[in-house]
Amino acid sequence: MSLLYPTINIVVQVNNPTDISVTIQNIKGDLYLNNVYVGNVIGITPTTLSTGSSILRIPVTLSYTGVAALIQGTKTGGINLRFNGSILVDLITLPLNFEYNI
């Protein structure tokens, strides 16, 4: 982490209900908090998702307005987290869009 490019790591649990392990080579996209751009994901360390449950660490490079939104969002109590991007799984690029309300 540096002052020019602050980064946070989002850690998520991913469930693989199949009996086939896959490798995630990369994730790219934009992260929004309460409809304010927080930062972007420009890659991950390749990770194997085994059958069942796996942990995925996603580094997000923050924008300065995003840092302010992140702090403000934790104060208000209601958080809407949205990601628009793509994921590279076993050399196949797929859209990856999700939204969570906390």
N, C-alpha and C. Protein backbone atom coordinates (compact mmCIF):
# COMPACT_ATOMS: atom_id res chain seq x y z
N MET A 1 0.84 -1.18 0.00
CA MET A 1 0.00 0.00 0.00
C MET A 1 0.88 1.24 0.00
N SER A 2 0.50 2.22 -0.81
CA SER A 2 1.21 3.48 -0.82
C SER A 2 0.20 4.61 -0.79
N LEU A 3 0.68 5.82 -0.52
CA LEU A 3 -0.22 6.97 -0.49
C LEU A 3 -0.75 7.31 -1.88
N LEU A 4 0.02 7.02 -2.92
CA LEU A 4 -0.44 7.31 -4.28
C LEU A 4 -1.49 6.32 -4.74
N TYR A 5 -1.38 5.07 -4.34
CA TYR A 5 -2.31 4.03 -4.79
C TYR A 5 -2.74 3.18 -3.60
N PRO A 6 -3.63 3.73 -2.74
CA PRO A 6 -4.07 2.92 -1.59
C PRO A 6 -4.85 1.70 -2.06
N THR A 7 -4.64 0.58 -1.40
CA THR A 7 -5.26 -0.68 -1.80
C THR A 7 -5.85 -1.37 -0.58
N ILE A 8 -7.03 -1.96 -0.77
CA ILE A 8 -7.61 -2.82 0.26
C ILE A 8 -7.80 -4.19 -0.36
N ASN A 9 -7.82 -5.20 0.46
CA ASN A 9 -8.09 -6.56 0.00
C ASN A 9 -9.47 -6.98 0.47
N ILE A 10 -10.30 -7.37 -0.47
CA ILE A 10 -11.61 -7.92 -0.14
C ILE A 10 -11.45 -9.43 -0.14
N VAL A 11 -11.85 -10.06 0.94
CA VAL A 11 -11.75 -11.51 1.06
C VAL A 11 -13.16 -12.08 1.01
N VAL A 12 -13.40 -12.96 0.03
CA VAL A 12 -14.72 -13.56 -0.13
C VAL A 12 -14.59 -15.08 -0.13
N GLN A 13 -15.64 -15.72 0.33
CA GLN A 13 -15.71 -17.17 0.27
C GLN A 13 -16.51 -17.53 -0.98
N VAL A 14 -15.93 -18.37 -1.81
CA VAL A 14 -16.55 -18.77 -3.07
C VAL A 14 -16.89 -20.25 -2.98
N ASN A 15 -18.12 -20.59 -3.34
CA ASN A 15 -18.54 -21.99 -3.33
C ASN A 15 -18.50 -22.55 -4.74
N ASN A 16 -17.87 -23.69 -4.88
CA ASN A 16 -17.80 -24.40 -6.15
C ASN A 16 -18.61 -25.68 -6.00
N PRO A 17 -19.86 -25.69 -6.47
CA PRO A 17 -20.73 -26.85 -6.26
C PRO A 17 -20.44 -28.01 -7.20
N THR A 18 -19.50 -27.84 -8.13
CA THR A 18 -19.18 -28.90 -9.08
C THR A 18 -18.11 -29.82 -8.51
N ASP A 19 -17.82 -30.88 -9.23
CA ASP A 19 -16.74 -31.78 -8.81
C ASP A 19 -15.46 -31.52 -9.61
N ILE A 20 -15.39 -30.32 -10.22
CA ILE A 20 -14.24 -29.93 -11.04
C ILE A 20 -13.57 -28.71 -10.43
N SER A 21 -12.27 -28.77 -10.24
CA SER A 21 -11.53 -27.60 -9.79
C SER A 21 -11.25 -26.69 -10.98
N VAL A 22 -11.28 -25.38 -10.73
CA VAL A 22 -10.99 -24.40 -11.78
C VAL A 22 -9.95 -23.42 -11.26
N THR A 23 -9.26 -22.77 -12.17
CA THR A 23 -8.27 -21.77 -11.80
C THR A 23 -8.73 -20.41 -12.28
N ILE A 24 -8.80 -19.46 -11.35
CA ILE A 24 -9.10 -18.07 -11.70
C ILE A 24 -7.77 -17.39 -11.96
N GLN A 25 -7.58 -16.97 -13.22
CA GLN A 25 -6.33 -16.31 -13.57
C GLN A 25 -6.37 -14.81 -13.28
N ASN A 26 -7.57 -14.18 -13.42
CA ASN A 26 -7.61 -12.74 -13.26
C ASN A 26 -9.04 -12.26 -13.03
N ILE A 27 -9.17 -11.12 -12.38
CA ILE A 27 -10.44 -10.42 -12.21
C ILE A 27 -10.15 -8.95 -12.51
N LYS A 28 -11.04 -8.33 -13.31
CA LYS A 28 -10.92 -6.90 -13.62
C LYS A 28 -12.29 -6.27 -13.49
N GLY A 29 -12.34 -5.04 -13.01
CA GLY A 29 -13.62 -4.35 -12.95
C GLY A 29 -13.61 -3.18 -12.00
N ASP A 30 -14.79 -2.57 -11.86
CA ASP A 30 -14.97 -1.39 -11.03
C ASP A 30 -15.84 -1.71 -9.83
N LEU A 31 -15.49 -1.13 -8.68
CA LEU A 31 -16.22 -1.34 -7.44
C LEU A 31 -16.90 -0.04 -7.04
N TYR A 32 -18.18 -0.12 -6.67
CA TYR A 32 -18.97 1.04 -6.26
C TYR A 32 -19.53 0.81 -4.87
N LEU A 33 -19.56 1.85 -4.06
CA LEU A 33 -20.15 1.81 -2.74
C LEU A 33 -21.20 2.91 -2.68
N ASN A 34 -22.45 2.52 -2.45
CA ASN A 34 -23.56 3.48 -2.43
C ASN A 34 -23.54 4.36 -3.69
N ASN A 35 -23.34 3.71 -4.85
CA ASN A 35 -23.31 4.35 -6.17
C ASN A 35 -22.19 5.36 -6.36
N VAL A 36 -21.16 5.30 -5.52
CA VAL A 36 -19.97 6.14 -5.69
C VAL A 36 -18.81 5.22 -6.05
N TYR A 37 -18.08 5.58 -7.10
CA TYR A 37 -16.92 4.80 -7.53
C TYR A 37 -15.90 4.73 -6.41
N VAL A 38 -15.54 3.53 -6.01
CA VAL A 38 -14.58 3.33 -4.92
C VAL A 38 -13.20 3.03 -5.46
N GLY A 39 -13.13 2.19 -6.47
CA GLY A 39 -11.83 1.83 -7.01
C GLY A 39 -11.95 0.74 -8.04
N ASN A 40 -10.80 0.25 -8.48
CA ASN A 40 -10.84 -0.79 -9.49
C ASN A 40 -9.97 -1.98 -9.12
N VAL A 41 -10.36 -3.10 -9.67
CA VAL A 41 -9.61 -4.34 -9.52
C VAL A 41 -8.88 -4.56 -10.83
N ILE A 42 -7.56 -4.69 -10.75
CA ILE A 42 -6.79 -4.85 -11.98
C ILE A 42 -6.09 -6.20 -12.04
N GLY A 43 -6.41 -7.09 -11.11
CA GLY A 43 -5.81 -8.41 -11.16
C GLY A 43 -5.74 -9.06 -9.81
N ILE A 44 -5.51 -10.37 -9.82
CA ILE A 44 -5.34 -11.14 -8.60
C ILE A 44 -4.21 -12.13 -8.83
N THR A 45 -3.76 -12.73 -7.75
CA THR A 45 -2.84 -13.85 -7.86
C THR A 45 -3.67 -15.04 -8.32
N PRO A 46 -3.26 -15.76 -9.36
CA PRO A 46 -4.06 -16.92 -9.79
C PRO A 46 -4.40 -17.83 -8.61
N THR A 47 -5.67 -18.23 -8.56
CA THR A 47 -6.19 -18.99 -7.43
C THR A 47 -6.97 -20.19 -7.93
N THR A 48 -6.74 -21.35 -7.32
CA THR A 48 -7.50 -22.55 -7.66
C THR A 48 -8.71 -22.66 -6.75
N LEU A 49 -9.88 -22.81 -7.37
CA LEU A 49 -11.11 -23.04 -6.62
C LEU A 49 -11.39 -24.53 -6.65
N SER A 50 -11.17 -25.16 -5.53
CA SER A 50 -11.41 -26.60 -5.42
C SER A 50 -12.89 -26.84 -5.21
N THR A 51 -13.29 -28.10 -5.30
CA THR A 51 -14.67 -28.47 -5.02
C THR A 51 -15.01 -28.05 -3.60
N GLY A 52 -16.19 -27.48 -3.43
CA GLY A 52 -16.60 -27.02 -2.11
C GLY A 52 -16.34 -25.54 -1.96
N SER A 53 -15.72 -25.17 -0.86
CA SER A 53 -15.55 -23.77 -0.51
C SER A 53 -14.08 -23.35 -0.60
N SER A 54 -13.83 -22.17 -1.17
CA SER A 54 -12.48 -21.62 -1.27
C SER A 54 -12.51 -20.15 -0.90
N ILE A 55 -11.37 -19.64 -0.48
CA ILE A 55 -11.22 -18.22 -0.15
C ILE A 55 -10.55 -17.53 -1.32
N LEU A 56 -11.09 -16.37 -1.70
CA LEU A 56 -10.55 -15.57 -2.80
C LEU A 56 -10.23 -14.18 -2.26
N ARG A 57 -8.99 -13.74 -2.48
CA ARG A 57 -8.57 -12.40 -2.06
C ARG A 57 -8.49 -11.51 -3.29
N ILE A 58 -9.23 -10.39 -3.23
CA ILE A 58 -9.31 -9.49 -4.38
C ILE A 58 -8.76 -8.13 -3.97
N PRO A 59 -7.60 -7.71 -4.54
CA PRO A 59 -7.07 -6.39 -4.22
C PRO A 59 -7.80 -5.30 -5.00
N VAL A 60 -8.21 -4.24 -4.30
CA VAL A 60 -8.91 -3.13 -4.93
C VAL A 60 -8.06 -1.88 -4.75
N THR A 61 -7.66 -1.25 -5.87
CA THR A 61 -6.94 0.01 -5.82
C THR A 61 -7.98 1.10 -5.68
N LEU A 62 -7.90 1.86 -4.60
CA LEU A 62 -8.93 2.84 -4.25
C LEU A 62 -8.69 4.19 -4.91
N SER A 63 -9.78 4.88 -5.21
CA SER A 63 -9.70 6.28 -5.59
C SER A 63 -9.85 7.10 -4.32
N TYR A 64 -9.37 8.34 -4.31
CA TYR A 64 -9.47 9.14 -3.08
C TYR A 64 -10.91 9.47 -2.75
N THR A 65 -11.76 9.72 -3.77
CA THR A 65 -13.18 9.93 -3.49
C THR A 65 -13.79 8.64 -2.98
N GLY A 66 -13.27 7.52 -3.45
CA GLY A 66 -13.75 6.23 -2.98
C GLY A 66 -13.43 5.99 -1.52
N VAL A 67 -12.27 6.44 -1.09
CA VAL A 67 -11.90 6.30 0.33
C VAL A 67 -12.88 7.09 1.20
N ALA A 68 -13.20 8.32 0.76
CA ALA A 68 -14.15 9.14 1.52
C ALA A 68 -15.52 8.46 1.54
N ALA A 69 -15.95 7.88 0.41
CA ALA A 69 -17.24 7.19 0.36
C ALA A 69 -17.23 5.95 1.24
N LEU A 70 -16.10 5.26 1.28
CA LEU A 70 -15.97 4.06 2.11
C LEU A 70 -16.12 4.42 3.59
N ILE A 71 -15.48 5.50 4.01
CA ILE A 71 -15.58 5.95 5.40
C ILE A 71 -17.00 6.41 5.71
N GLN A 72 -17.59 7.19 4.82
CA GLN A 72 -18.95 7.70 5.03
C GLN A 72 -19.96 6.56 5.04
N GLY A 73 -19.74 5.55 4.17
CA GLY A 73 -20.65 4.42 4.10
C GLY A 73 -20.68 3.61 5.38
N THR A 74 -19.56 3.52 6.06
CA THR A 74 -19.53 2.77 7.31
C THR A 74 -20.22 3.53 8.43
N LYS A 75 -20.32 4.85 8.30
CA LYS A 75 -20.98 5.66 9.33
C LYS A 75 -22.50 5.61 9.20
N THR A 76 -23.01 5.52 7.96
CA THR A 76 -24.45 5.59 7.75
C THR A 76 -25.17 4.29 8.07
N GLY A 77 -24.48 3.19 8.08
CA GLY A 77 -25.09 1.91 8.42
C GLY A 77 -25.57 1.13 7.22
N GLY A 78 -26.17 1.77 6.23
CA GLY A 78 -26.64 1.06 5.04
C GLY A 78 -25.59 1.10 3.95
N ILE A 79 -25.21 -0.06 3.46
CA ILE A 79 -24.16 -0.12 2.44
C ILE A 79 -24.66 -0.92 1.25
N ASN A 80 -24.49 -0.34 0.06
CA ASN A 80 -24.75 -1.04 -1.19
C ASN A 80 -23.42 -1.18 -1.89
N LEU A 81 -22.98 -2.41 -2.12
CA LEU A 81 -21.70 -2.71 -2.76
C LEU A 81 -21.99 -3.34 -4.11
N ARG A 82 -21.43 -2.76 -5.19
CA ARG A 82 -21.68 -3.25 -6.53
C ARG A 82 -20.36 -3.40 -7.28
N PHE A 83 -20.23 -4.50 -8.02
CA PHE A 83 -19.03 -4.75 -8.82
C PHE A 83 -19.45 -5.03 -10.25
N ASN A 84 -18.80 -4.35 -11.20
CA ASN A 84 -19.02 -4.59 -12.63
C ASN A 84 -17.68 -4.90 -13.26
N GLY A 85 -17.56 -6.11 -13.81
CA GLY A 85 -16.29 -6.46 -14.40
C GLY A 85 -16.32 -7.79 -15.12
N SER A 86 -15.15 -8.42 -15.15
CA SER A 86 -15.02 -9.72 -15.81
C SER A 86 -14.04 -10.58 -15.02
N ILE A 87 -14.13 -11.89 -15.27
CA ILE A 87 -13.27 -12.85 -14.60
C ILE A 87 -12.72 -13.80 -15.65
N LEU A 88 -11.45 -14.14 -15.53
CA LEU A 88 -10.80 -15.07 -16.44
C LEU A 88 -10.64 -16.40 -15.70
N VAL A 89 -11.43 -17.40 -16.12
CA VAL A 89 -11.43 -18.71 -15.48
C VAL A 89 -11.01 -19.75 -16.50
N ASP A 90 -9.94 -20.47 -16.20
CA ASP A 90 -9.41 -21.48 -17.12
C ASP A 90 -9.32 -20.95 -18.55
N LEU A 91 -8.80 -19.71 -18.65
CA LEU A 91 -8.55 -19.01 -19.91
C LEU A 91 -9.82 -18.65 -20.68
N ILE A 92 -10.96 -18.60 -20.00
CA ILE A 92 -12.23 -18.17 -20.59
C ILE A 92 -12.68 -16.92 -19.84
N THR A 93 -12.92 -15.82 -20.57
CA THR A 93 -13.36 -14.58 -19.95
C THR A 93 -14.88 -14.59 -19.83
N LEU A 94 -15.36 -14.34 -18.61
CA LEU A 94 -16.79 -14.32 -18.32
C LEU A 94 -17.14 -13.01 -17.63
N PRO A 95 -18.37 -12.49 -17.85
CA PRO A 95 -18.77 -11.29 -17.10
C PRO A 95 -18.93 -11.62 -15.63
N LEU A 96 -18.59 -10.67 -14.78
CA LEU A 96 -18.74 -10.84 -13.33
C LEU A 96 -19.35 -9.56 -12.78
N ASN A 97 -20.64 -9.62 -12.50
CA ASN A 97 -21.38 -8.47 -11.97
C ASN A 97 -22.16 -8.95 -10.76
N PHE A 98 -22.00 -8.25 -9.64
CA PHE A 98 -22.77 -8.61 -8.46
C PHE A 98 -23.05 -7.37 -7.63
N GLU A 99 -24.05 -7.49 -6.76
CA GLU A 99 -24.45 -6.40 -5.89
C GLU A 99 -24.88 -6.97 -4.55
N TYR A 100 -24.42 -6.33 -3.47
CA TYR A 100 -24.78 -6.73 -2.11
C TYR A 100 -25.30 -5.52 -1.35
N ASN A 101 -26.35 -5.72 -0.60
CA ASN A 101 -26.86 -4.69 0.31
C ASN A 101 -26.67 -5.17 1.73
N ILE A 102 -26.01 -4.35 2.53
CA ILE A 102 -25.72 -4.74 3.91
C ILE A 102 -26.42 -3.76 4.84
